[in-house]
Protein backbone atom coordinates (compact mmCIF):
# COMPACT_ATOMS: atom_id res chain seq x y z
CA MET A 1 6.76 7.97 16.52
CA SER A 2 3.44 9.74 16.84
CA PHE A 3 0.87 9.59 14.07
CA GLU A 4 1.34 13.30 13.37
CA THR A 5 5.09 12.86 12.93
CA ALA A 6 4.66 9.73 10.80
CA TRP A 7 2.05 11.47 8.64
CA ALA A 8 4.20 14.57 8.11
CA HIS A 9 7.16 12.34 7.21
CA SER A 10 5.09 10.30 4.71
CA ALA A 11 2.68 12.77 3.11
CA SER A 12 4.80 13.73 0.09
CA TRP A 13 5.42 10.08 -0.86
CA LEU A 14 1.74 9.27 -0.48
CA ALA A 15 0.68 12.32 -2.51
CA ALA A 16 2.91 11.14 -5.35
CA ALA A 17 1.45 7.62 -5.10
CA LEU A 18 -2.07 9.06 -5.27
CA ALA A 19 -1.16 10.89 -8.46
CA HIS A 20 0.08 7.65 -10.02
CA ALA A 21 -3.09 5.86 -8.86
CA GLY A 22 -5.35 8.28 -10.72
CA ASP A 23 -6.03 10.84 -7.98
CA THR A 24 -9.05 8.89 -6.73
CA HIS A 25 -8.63 10.39 -3.25
CA ARG A 26 -7.25 13.54 -1.72
CA LEU A 27 -4.46 13.23 0.83
CA GLU A 28 -6.97 14.34 3.48
CA ASP A 29 -9.21 11.39 2.51
CA VAL A 30 -6.35 8.96 3.05
CA ARG A 31 -5.56 10.51 6.41
CA ALA A 32 -9.22 10.16 7.44
CA LEU A 33 -9.29 6.47 6.41
CA ILE A 34 -6.20 5.82 8.51
CA GLY A 35 -7.62 7.85 11.39
CA ARG A 36 -10.77 5.77 11.59
CA GLY A 37 -8.93 2.46 11.22
CA ALA A 38 -10.10 1.66 7.69
CA ALA A 39 -6.52 1.83 6.40
CA GLN A 40 -3.07 1.31 7.89
CA LEU A 41 -0.05 3.60 7.59
CA TRP A 42 3.35 1.90 7.39
CA THR A 43 6.45 4.06 7.70
CA ALA A 44 10.21 3.72 7.54
CA PRO A 45 12.87 6.42 7.37
CA ALA A 46 13.01 6.21 3.56
CA ALA A 47 9.50 5.04 2.58
CA ALA A 48 5.81 4.84 3.44
CA ALA A 49 2.81 2.74 2.44
CA VAL A 50 -0.91 2.56 3.06
CA THR A 51 -2.73 -0.76 3.21
CA MET A 52 -6.36 -1.78 3.54
CA ILE A 53 -7.92 -5.09 4.51
CA GLU A 54 -10.52 -6.23 1.99
CA ASP A 55 -13.10 -8.90 2.75
CA ASP A 56 -14.95 -10.94 0.15
CA PRO A 57 -17.11 -14.01 0.83
CA GLU A 58 -14.24 -16.38 0.02
CA GLU A 59 -11.19 -14.30 0.84
CA ARG A 60 -9.65 -11.78 3.19
CA ARG A 61 -6.65 -9.98 1.75
CA LEU A 62 -4.35 -7.08 2.45
CA LEU A 63 -4.20 -4.51 -0.34
CA VAL A 64 -1.07 -2.40 -0.61
CA TRP A 65 -2.87 0.63 -1.96
CA LEU A 66 -0.30 3.43 -1.87
CA ALA A 67 3.46 3.30 -1.50
CA GLY A 68 6.32 5.66 -2.08
CA GLY A 69 9.90 6.34 -1.24
CA ASP A 70 12.84 3.99 -1.57
CA LEU A 71 11.80 0.83 -3.46
CA ARG A 72 14.33 -1.38 -1.70
CA THR A 73 13.07 -0.26 1.71
CA LEU A 74 9.49 -0.92 0.65
CA ILE A 75 10.13 -4.38 -0.74
CA VAL A 76 12.90 -5.77 1.46
CA GLU A 77 12.03 -4.22 4.81
CA MET A 78 8.39 -3.15 4.90
CA LEU A 79 6.64 -5.75 2.75
CA PRO A 80 7.66 -8.76 4.89
CA GLN A 81 6.34 -6.94 7.98
CA ALA A 82 3.05 -6.24 6.21
CA GLU A 83 2.82 -9.90 5.12
CA ASP A 84 3.32 -11.10 8.70
CA TRP A 85 0.70 -8.64 9.96
CA ALA A 86 -1.72 -9.70 7.21
CA ARG A 87 -1.36 -13.37 8.19
CA ALA A 88 -2.08 -12.45 11.80
CA GLN A 89 -5.27 -10.69 10.61
CA GLY A 90 -6.46 -13.81 8.79
CA CYS A 91 -5.58 -12.65 5.28
CA ARG A 92 -4.84 -15.33 2.71
CA ARG A 93 -3.50 -13.06 -0.01
CA MET A 94 -1.66 -9.81 -0.61
CA LEU A 95 -2.55 -7.55 -3.52
CA VAL A 96 -0.35 -4.68 -4.64
CA LEU A 97 -1.51 -1.76 -6.78
CA GLY A 98 1.39 -0.25 -8.61
CA ARG A 99 3.20 0.58 -11.78
CA PRO A 100 4.84 -2.13 -13.95
CA GLY A 101 8.16 -1.70 -12.16
CA TRP A 102 6.61 -3.10 -8.99
CA GLU A 103 5.77 -6.34 -10.78
CA ARG A 104 9.37 -6.81 -11.93
CA ALA A 105 10.84 -5.88 -8.55
CA MET A 106 8.50 -8.16 -6.58
CA LYS A 107 8.69 -11.25 -8.80
CA PRO A 108 11.64 -12.71 -6.82
CA MET A 109 9.50 -12.50 -3.66
CA GLY A 110 6.78 -14.72 -5.17
CA TYR A 111 4.46 -12.01 -6.46
CA ALA A 112 2.86 -12.58 -9.86
CA PRO A 113 0.19 -10.82 -11.92
CA LEU A 114 -3.36 -11.79 -10.97
CA ALA A 115 -5.29 -9.48 -13.30
CA ARG A 116 -4.80 -6.34 -15.31
CA VAL A 117 -6.63 -3.11 -14.67
CA ILE A 118 -7.14 -0.86 -17.64
CA ALA A 119 -8.71 2.58 -17.49
CA LYS A 120 -9.95 5.40 -19.64
CA ASP A 121 -10.58 8.93 -18.44
CA LEU A 122 -14.00 10.24 -19.44
């Protein structure tokens, strides 16, 4: 599938995920990050996700930044593929940004809270 087709298929799910993440980016910003290789677009017929590799002095990790669509597809089908890819990129951890339901759904796969993010609009 071409990038244009994958993007068109995924854009509505990603726009909804951006809204839940606080609208920190426009959909066009996400597309630009993917286009220049700073983020990765993962697609399936019923879901889509965007990841980013983050590097700190002591850790490389894959951040699942945006995701939308069918939860089962995301967790059972797409997440294991992303984990394998992350290992191949030298990542030692996966981080997932998401609503509380993600935590409950991913617990059986070995995911656990690492920290809490709290926010206040100014």
